[in-house]
């Protein structure tokens, strides 16, 4: 099974549009068709961003419904202990946190809407940086 870290940008895109590639990535994760990697800090970031008033309004979801989805995503994720921090890797500390999870958890890829910020930092560690659509294409090609 493919091991990935889902960037917050993908979570937010999925919450805002249930019909896009980001939403399909979350569905695959919730059906255990992907191994998603997460640590406590990333889970906290997901919650902090997804439960912002403007995000709830844009998604059309209630805070309660959003919490249920986040609980489910956390339940299926494989917890990662970040034993080694490879800092600084990028210009954004939040990106470094996601990369640390990917590196320490043996992820194949970081799935993000913002590939250019991750790509150069992830490459030396053998971690791909791909969009949700690219992930879906790769999964279809493997079948």
N, C-alpha and C. Protein backbone atom coordinates (compact mmCIF):
# COMPACT_ATOMS: atom_id res chain seq x y z
N UNK A 1 0.85 -1.18 0.00
CA UNK A 1 0.00 0.00 0.00
C UNK A 1 0.89 1.24 0.00
N UNK A 2 0.46 2.28 -0.69
CA UNK A 2 1.22 3.51 -0.81
C UNK A 2 1.15 4.29 0.51
N UNK A 3 2.31 4.71 0.99
CA UNK A 3 2.42 5.48 2.23
C UNK A 3 2.56 6.95 1.87
N UNK A 4 1.63 7.78 2.36
CA UNK A 4 1.64 9.20 2.02
C UNK A 4 1.37 10.07 3.25
N UNK A 5 1.81 11.31 3.14
CA UNK A 5 1.42 12.34 4.09
C UNK A 5 0.53 13.30 3.31
N UNK A 6 -0.62 13.58 3.85
CA UNK A 6 -1.58 14.49 3.21
C UNK A 6 -1.38 15.88 3.80
N UNK A 7 -0.98 16.80 2.96
CA UNK A 7 -0.78 18.18 3.39
C UNK A 7 -2.14 18.82 3.71
N UNK A 8 -2.12 19.80 4.57
CA UNK A 8 -3.34 20.49 4.98
C UNK A 8 -4.07 21.09 3.78
N UNK A 9 -3.35 21.52 2.77
CA UNK A 9 -3.99 22.11 1.59
C UNK A 9 -4.93 21.11 0.91
N UNK A 10 -4.58 19.84 0.94
CA UNK A 10 -5.42 18.81 0.33
C UNK A 10 -6.66 18.57 1.19
N UNK A 11 -6.48 18.53 2.49
CA UNK A 11 -7.62 18.38 3.39
C UNK A 11 -8.63 19.49 3.16
N UNK A 12 -8.17 20.72 3.11
CA UNK A 12 -9.07 21.86 2.93
C UNK A 12 -9.76 21.81 1.57
N UNK A 13 -9.02 21.46 0.53
CA UNK A 13 -9.65 21.33 -0.80
C UNK A 13 -10.73 20.26 -0.78
N UNK A 14 -10.47 19.16 -0.08
CA UNK A 14 -11.47 18.07 0.01
C UNK A 14 -12.71 18.52 0.75
N UNK A 15 -12.52 19.28 1.82
CA UNK A 15 -13.66 19.77 2.59
C UNK A 15 -14.51 20.75 1.78
N UNK A 16 -13.86 21.51 0.93
CA UNK A 16 -14.56 22.52 0.15
C UNK A 16 -15.25 21.95 -1.09
N UNK A 17 -14.75 20.83 -1.60
CA UNK A 17 -15.33 20.25 -2.81
C UNK A 17 -15.30 18.74 -2.71
N UNK A 18 -16.45 18.15 -2.49
CA UNK A 18 -16.55 16.71 -2.35
C UNK A 18 -16.36 15.93 -3.63
N UNK A 19 -16.29 16.61 -4.77
CA UNK A 19 -16.20 15.92 -6.04
C UNK A 19 -14.83 15.92 -6.68
N UNK A 20 -13.83 16.54 -6.04
CA UNK A 20 -12.52 16.66 -6.65
C UNK A 20 -11.56 15.55 -6.26
N UNK A 21 -10.35 15.66 -6.80
CA UNK A 21 -9.30 14.67 -6.54
C UNK A 21 -8.92 14.63 -5.06
N UNK A 22 -8.91 15.79 -4.41
CA UNK A 22 -8.56 15.82 -2.98
C UNK A 22 -9.56 15.02 -2.16
N UNK A 23 -10.83 15.17 -2.46
CA UNK A 23 -11.86 14.42 -1.73
C UNK A 23 -11.72 12.92 -1.99
N UNK A 24 -11.34 12.55 -3.20
CA UNK A 24 -11.14 11.13 -3.50
C UNK A 24 -9.95 10.58 -2.72
N UNK A 25 -8.90 11.36 -2.56
CA UNK A 25 -7.75 10.92 -1.77
C UNK A 25 -8.19 10.65 -0.32
N UNK A 26 -9.01 11.54 0.24
CA UNK A 26 -9.50 11.30 1.60
C UNK A 26 -10.37 10.05 1.66
N UNK A 27 -11.22 9.86 0.66
CA UNK A 27 -12.05 8.65 0.64
C UNK A 27 -11.18 7.39 0.61
N UNK A 28 -10.13 7.39 -0.19
CA UNK A 28 -9.22 6.24 -0.25
C UNK A 28 -8.56 6.01 1.10
N UNK A 29 -8.16 7.07 1.75
CA UNK A 29 -7.54 6.95 3.07
C UNK A 29 -8.53 6.36 4.07
N UNK A 30 -9.75 6.83 4.05
CA UNK A 30 -10.76 6.36 5.00
C UNK A 30 -11.17 4.91 4.73
N UNK A 31 -10.95 4.44 3.50
CA UNK A 31 -11.24 3.03 3.15
C UNK A 31 -10.00 2.15 3.27
N UNK A 32 -8.94 2.70 3.87
CA UNK A 32 -7.67 1.97 4.05
C UNK A 32 -7.04 1.54 2.74
N UNK A 33 -7.25 2.31 1.69
CA UNK A 33 -6.62 2.01 0.41
C UNK A 33 -5.32 2.78 0.22
N UNK A 34 -5.03 3.64 1.17
CA UNK A 34 -3.76 4.37 1.28
C UNK A 34 -3.32 4.26 2.73
N UNK A 35 -2.05 4.26 2.96
CA UNK A 35 -1.56 4.39 4.32
C UNK A 35 -1.20 5.86 4.52
N UNK A 36 -1.99 6.53 5.32
CA UNK A 36 -1.71 7.93 5.60
C UNK A 36 -0.91 8.03 6.89
N UNK A 37 0.06 8.91 6.88
CA UNK A 37 0.94 9.10 8.02
C UNK A 37 0.65 10.44 8.66
N UNK A 38 0.70 10.46 10.00
CA UNK A 38 0.35 11.68 10.71
C UNK A 38 1.02 11.68 12.07
N UNK A 39 1.33 12.86 12.56
CA UNK A 39 1.74 12.99 13.95
C UNK A 39 0.76 13.94 14.64
N UNK A 40 0.94 14.10 15.93
CA UNK A 40 0.01 14.92 16.70
C UNK A 40 -0.03 16.36 16.19
N UNK A 41 1.11 16.91 15.83
CA UNK A 41 1.16 18.31 15.39
C UNK A 41 0.40 18.50 14.07
N UNK A 42 0.51 17.54 13.16
CA UNK A 42 -0.24 17.66 11.91
C UNK A 42 -1.74 17.52 12.16
N UNK A 43 -2.12 16.61 13.04
CA UNK A 43 -3.53 16.46 13.39
C UNK A 43 -4.07 17.77 13.99
N UNK A 44 -3.27 18.40 14.84
CA UNK A 44 -3.68 19.67 15.44
C UNK A 44 -3.80 20.76 14.38
N UNK A 45 -2.87 20.76 13.42
CA UNK A 45 -2.94 21.75 12.34
C UNK A 45 -4.19 21.54 11.49
N UNK A 46 -4.50 20.27 11.16
CA UNK A 46 -5.72 19.99 10.41
C UNK A 46 -6.92 20.60 11.12
N UNK A 47 -7.02 20.34 12.42
CA UNK A 47 -8.17 20.83 13.18
C UNK A 47 -8.20 22.35 13.24
N UNK A 48 -7.06 22.94 13.51
CA UNK A 48 -7.02 24.40 13.64
C UNK A 48 -7.47 25.07 12.35
N UNK A 49 -6.99 24.58 11.22
CA UNK A 49 -7.34 25.20 9.94
C UNK A 49 -8.76 24.85 9.51
N UNK A 50 -9.13 23.58 9.58
CA UNK A 50 -10.44 23.15 9.09
C UNK A 50 -11.60 23.71 9.90
N UNK A 51 -11.36 24.01 11.16
CA UNK A 51 -12.44 24.51 12.02
C UNK A 51 -12.51 26.03 12.10
N UNK A 52 -11.71 26.71 11.30
CA UNK A 52 -11.81 28.18 11.23
C UNK A 52 -13.18 28.54 10.65
N UNK A 53 -13.72 29.61 11.13
CA UNK A 53 -15.05 30.05 10.70
C UNK A 53 -15.13 30.18 9.19
N UNK A 54 -14.12 30.79 8.57
CA UNK A 54 -14.17 30.99 7.11
C UNK A 54 -14.08 29.66 6.36
N UNK A 55 -13.39 28.68 6.91
CA UNK A 55 -13.31 27.37 6.26
C UNK A 55 -14.64 26.63 6.37
N UNK A 56 -15.25 26.70 7.55
CA UNK A 56 -16.55 26.06 7.73
C UNK A 56 -17.58 26.67 6.78
N UNK A 57 -17.56 27.97 6.68
CA UNK A 57 -18.49 28.66 5.80
C UNK A 57 -18.26 28.24 4.35
N UNK A 58 -16.99 28.20 3.92
CA UNK A 58 -16.66 27.84 2.54
C UNK A 58 -17.00 26.38 2.23
N UNK A 59 -16.87 25.52 3.22
CA UNK A 59 -17.13 24.10 2.99
C UNK A 59 -18.62 23.76 3.09
N UNK A 60 -19.39 24.61 3.77
CA UNK A 60 -20.80 24.32 3.98
C UNK A 60 -21.03 23.23 5.01
N UNK A 61 -20.01 22.91 5.79
CA UNK A 61 -20.11 21.87 6.82
C UNK A 61 -20.19 22.50 8.20
N UNK A 62 -20.81 21.79 9.10
CA UNK A 62 -20.84 22.24 10.48
C UNK A 62 -19.52 21.86 11.16
N UNK A 63 -19.23 22.51 12.26
CA UNK A 63 -18.03 22.15 13.03
C UNK A 63 -18.13 20.71 13.50
N UNK A 64 -19.30 20.29 13.88
CA UNK A 64 -19.50 18.92 14.36
C UNK A 64 -19.21 17.91 13.24
N UNK A 65 -19.73 18.14 12.04
CA UNK A 65 -19.49 17.24 10.92
C UNK A 65 -18.00 17.21 10.55
N UNK A 66 -17.37 18.37 10.61
CA UNK A 66 -15.94 18.45 10.30
C UNK A 66 -15.12 17.68 11.33
N UNK A 67 -15.49 17.80 12.60
CA UNK A 67 -14.78 17.04 13.64
C UNK A 67 -14.93 15.53 13.44
N UNK A 68 -16.10 15.09 13.04
CA UNK A 68 -16.31 13.66 12.79
C UNK A 68 -15.37 13.17 11.68
N UNK A 69 -15.26 13.95 10.60
CA UNK A 69 -14.37 13.58 9.51
C UNK A 69 -12.91 13.56 9.98
N UNK A 70 -12.52 14.58 10.74
CA UNK A 70 -11.14 14.63 11.24
C UNK A 70 -10.86 13.47 12.20
N UNK A 71 -11.83 13.14 13.04
CA UNK A 71 -11.67 11.98 13.93
C UNK A 71 -11.44 10.71 13.12
N UNK A 72 -12.21 10.54 12.07
CA UNK A 72 -12.09 9.34 11.23
C UNK A 72 -10.73 9.30 10.53
N UNK A 73 -10.29 10.44 10.04
CA UNK A 73 -8.99 10.49 9.36
C UNK A 73 -7.86 10.17 10.34
N UNK A 74 -7.95 10.70 11.54
CA UNK A 74 -6.95 10.39 12.56
C UNK A 74 -6.98 8.91 12.94
N UNK A 75 -8.15 8.32 12.96
CA UNK A 75 -8.28 6.91 13.35
C UNK A 75 -7.63 5.97 12.34
N UNK A 76 -7.65 6.33 11.06
CA UNK A 76 -7.07 5.44 10.06
C UNK A 76 -5.60 5.73 9.80
N UNK A 77 -5.11 6.87 10.25
CA UNK A 77 -3.73 7.25 9.99
C UNK A 77 -2.76 6.43 10.84
N UNK A 78 -1.61 6.18 10.27
CA UNK A 78 -0.54 5.53 11.02
C UNK A 78 0.24 6.63 11.76
N UNK A 79 0.32 6.52 13.08
CA UNK A 79 1.04 7.56 13.82
C UNK A 79 2.55 7.46 13.55
N UNK A 80 3.17 8.63 13.43
CA UNK A 80 4.60 8.70 13.18
C UNK A 80 5.25 9.47 14.32
N UNK A 81 6.28 8.87 14.87
CA UNK A 81 7.10 9.57 15.85
C UNK A 81 8.25 10.21 15.09
N UNK A 82 8.35 11.51 15.18
CA UNK A 82 9.41 12.23 14.48
C UNK A 82 10.65 12.21 15.37
N UNK A 83 11.49 11.23 15.12
CA UNK A 83 12.70 11.06 15.92
C UNK A 83 13.81 12.02 15.48
N UNK A 84 13.85 12.30 14.18
CA UNK A 84 14.87 13.18 13.64
C UNK A 84 14.22 14.30 12.85
N UNK A 85 14.62 15.50 13.17
CA UNK A 85 14.12 16.66 12.43
C UNK A 85 15.22 17.13 11.49
N UNK A 86 14.88 17.21 10.25
CA UNK A 86 15.82 17.63 9.21
C UNK A 86 15.51 19.08 8.87
N UNK A 87 16.00 19.98 9.70
CA UNK A 87 15.64 21.38 9.54
C UNK A 87 16.86 22.25 9.29
N UNK A 88 16.71 23.34 8.63
CA UNK A 88 15.57 23.70 7.78
C UNK A 88 15.67 23.00 6.43
N UNK A 89 14.53 22.62 5.92
CA UNK A 89 14.46 22.00 4.60
C UNK A 89 13.85 22.95 3.57
N UNK A 90 12.88 23.71 4.01
CA UNK A 90 12.19 24.61 3.10
C UNK A 90 12.10 25.99 3.73
N UNK A 91 11.46 26.88 3.04
CA UNK A 91 11.31 28.24 3.57
C UNK A 91 10.14 28.38 4.53
N UNK A 92 9.37 27.31 4.70
CA UNK A 92 8.18 27.34 5.54
C UNK A 92 8.29 26.25 6.62
N UNK A 93 8.26 26.64 7.88
CA UNK A 93 8.37 25.68 8.98
C UNK A 93 7.25 24.65 8.96
N UNK A 94 6.05 25.03 8.52
CA UNK A 94 4.94 24.08 8.42
C UNK A 94 5.24 23.01 7.37
N UNK A 95 5.87 23.39 6.27
CA UNK A 95 6.28 22.42 5.26
C UNK A 95 7.33 21.47 5.83
N UNK A 96 8.26 22.00 6.61
CA UNK A 96 9.27 21.17 7.25
C UNK A 96 8.63 20.11 8.15
N UNK A 97 7.60 20.48 8.86
CA UNK A 97 6.91 19.53 9.74
C UNK A 97 6.31 18.37 8.92
N UNK A 98 5.69 18.70 7.81
CA UNK A 98 5.11 17.67 6.94
C UNK A 98 6.22 16.78 6.38
N UNK A 99 7.32 17.38 5.96
CA UNK A 99 8.44 16.60 5.43
C UNK A 99 9.06 15.71 6.51
N UNK A 100 9.16 16.20 7.72
CA UNK A 100 9.69 15.37 8.82
C UNK A 100 8.84 14.12 9.02
N UNK A 101 7.53 14.25 8.92
CA UNK A 101 6.64 13.09 9.05
C UNK A 101 6.90 12.13 7.89
N UNK A 102 7.00 12.67 6.69
CA UNK A 102 7.23 11.82 5.51
C UNK A 102 8.55 11.07 5.63
N UNK A 103 9.60 11.75 6.01
CA UNK A 103 10.92 11.13 6.11
C UNK A 103 10.96 10.10 7.22
N UNK A 104 10.50 10.46 8.40
CA UNK A 104 10.53 9.54 9.55
C UNK A 104 9.55 8.38 9.39
N UNK A 105 8.47 8.58 8.64
CA UNK A 105 7.46 7.54 8.47
C UNK A 105 7.66 6.68 7.23
N UNK A 106 8.68 6.97 6.45
CA UNK A 106 8.93 6.18 5.24
C UNK A 106 7.88 6.39 4.17
N UNK A 107 7.39 7.61 4.04
CA UNK A 107 6.36 7.91 3.04
C UNK A 107 6.93 7.84 1.64
N UNK A 108 6.11 7.43 0.72
CA UNK A 108 6.48 7.46 -0.70
C UNK A 108 6.29 8.86 -1.26
N UNK A 109 5.28 9.58 -0.70
CA UNK A 109 4.97 10.89 -1.25
C UNK A 109 4.31 11.80 -0.24
N UNK A 110 4.47 13.09 -0.48
CA UNK A 110 3.66 14.12 0.17
C UNK A 110 2.64 14.54 -0.88
N UNK A 111 1.37 14.47 -0.50
CA UNK A 111 0.29 14.85 -1.41
C UNK A 111 -0.11 16.27 -1.03
N UNK A 112 0.05 17.20 -1.97
CA UNK A 112 -0.14 18.62 -1.67
C UNK A 112 -0.65 19.37 -2.89
N UNK A 113 -1.26 20.50 -2.62
CA UNK A 113 -1.68 21.39 -3.70
C UNK A 113 -0.54 22.35 -4.05
N UNK A 114 0.52 22.32 -3.27
CA UNK A 114 1.61 23.27 -3.38
C UNK A 114 2.93 22.53 -3.61
N UNK A 115 3.04 21.87 -4.73
CA UNK A 115 4.20 21.00 -4.99
C UNK A 115 5.52 21.76 -5.06
N UNK A 116 5.51 22.97 -5.55
CA UNK A 116 6.80 23.66 -5.75
C UNK A 116 7.50 23.96 -4.42
N UNK A 117 6.76 24.18 -3.35
CA UNK A 117 7.40 24.45 -2.06
C UNK A 117 8.04 23.21 -1.46
N UNK A 118 7.52 22.04 -1.79
CA UNK A 118 8.02 20.79 -1.20
C UNK A 118 9.08 20.09 -2.05
N UNK A 119 8.96 20.20 -3.35
CA UNK A 119 9.71 19.33 -4.27
C UNK A 119 11.21 19.30 -4.00
N UNK A 120 11.87 20.44 -3.98
CA UNK A 120 13.33 20.46 -3.83
C UNK A 120 13.76 19.92 -2.47
N UNK A 121 12.99 20.22 -1.43
CA UNK A 121 13.34 19.77 -0.08
C UNK A 121 13.13 18.27 0.09
N UNK A 122 12.13 17.71 -0.57
CA UNK A 122 11.79 16.29 -0.40
C UNK A 122 12.65 15.37 -1.25
N UNK A 123 13.10 15.83 -2.38
CA UNK A 123 13.79 14.98 -3.35
C UNK A 123 15.01 14.25 -2.77
N UNK A 124 15.89 14.90 -2.01
CA UNK A 124 17.07 14.19 -1.50
C UNK A 124 16.72 13.01 -0.58
N UNK A 125 15.52 12.98 -0.06
CA UNK A 125 15.09 11.91 0.84
C UNK A 125 14.28 10.84 0.13
N UNK A 126 14.15 10.96 -1.18
CA UNK A 126 13.41 9.96 -1.95
C UNK A 126 11.90 10.05 -1.77
N UNK A 127 11.42 11.22 -1.36
CA UNK A 127 9.99 11.44 -1.17
C UNK A 127 9.47 12.25 -2.35
N UNK A 128 8.49 11.70 -3.06
CA UNK A 128 7.87 12.43 -4.16
C UNK A 128 6.94 13.50 -3.61
N UNK A 129 6.76 14.53 -4.40
CA UNK A 129 5.81 15.58 -4.09
C UNK A 129 4.81 15.61 -5.23
N UNK A 130 3.55 15.26 -4.92
CA UNK A 130 2.56 15.11 -5.98
C UNK A 130 1.23 15.74 -5.57
N UNK A 131 0.45 16.07 -6.58
CA UNK A 131 -0.89 16.59 -6.35
C UNK A 131 -1.84 15.41 -6.13
N UNK A 132 -3.03 15.68 -5.61
CA UNK A 132 -4.01 14.61 -5.49
C UNK A 132 -4.31 13.92 -6.82
N UNK A 133 -4.44 14.69 -7.88
CA UNK A 133 -4.72 14.10 -9.20
C UNK A 133 -3.59 13.19 -9.65
N UNK A 134 -2.35 13.59 -9.41
CA UNK A 134 -1.21 12.75 -9.77
C UNK A 134 -1.21 11.45 -8.96
N UNK A 135 -1.56 11.53 -7.69
CA UNK A 135 -1.64 10.32 -6.88
C UNK A 135 -2.69 9.37 -7.44
N UNK A 136 -3.85 9.89 -7.77
CA UNK A 136 -4.92 9.04 -8.31
C UNK A 136 -4.49 8.39 -9.61
N UNK A 137 -3.80 9.13 -10.47
CA UNK A 137 -3.30 8.57 -11.73
C UNK A 137 -2.31 7.44 -11.46
N UNK A 138 -1.41 7.63 -10.52
CA UNK A 138 -0.43 6.59 -10.20
C UNK A 138 -1.10 5.34 -9.64
N UNK A 139 -2.12 5.54 -8.84
CA UNK A 139 -2.82 4.39 -8.27
C UNK A 139 -3.53 3.58 -9.34
N UNK A 140 -4.11 4.27 -10.32
CA UNK A 140 -4.79 3.58 -11.43
C UNK A 140 -3.76 2.83 -12.27
N UNK A 141 -2.61 3.44 -12.50
CA UNK A 141 -1.55 2.80 -13.31
C UNK A 141 -1.01 1.55 -12.64
N UNK A 142 -1.02 1.49 -11.32
CA UNK A 142 -0.51 0.33 -10.59
C UNK A 142 -1.44 -0.88 -10.68
N UNK A 143 -2.69 -0.64 -10.96
CA UNK A 143 -3.68 -1.73 -10.99
C UNK A 143 -3.59 -2.50 -12.23
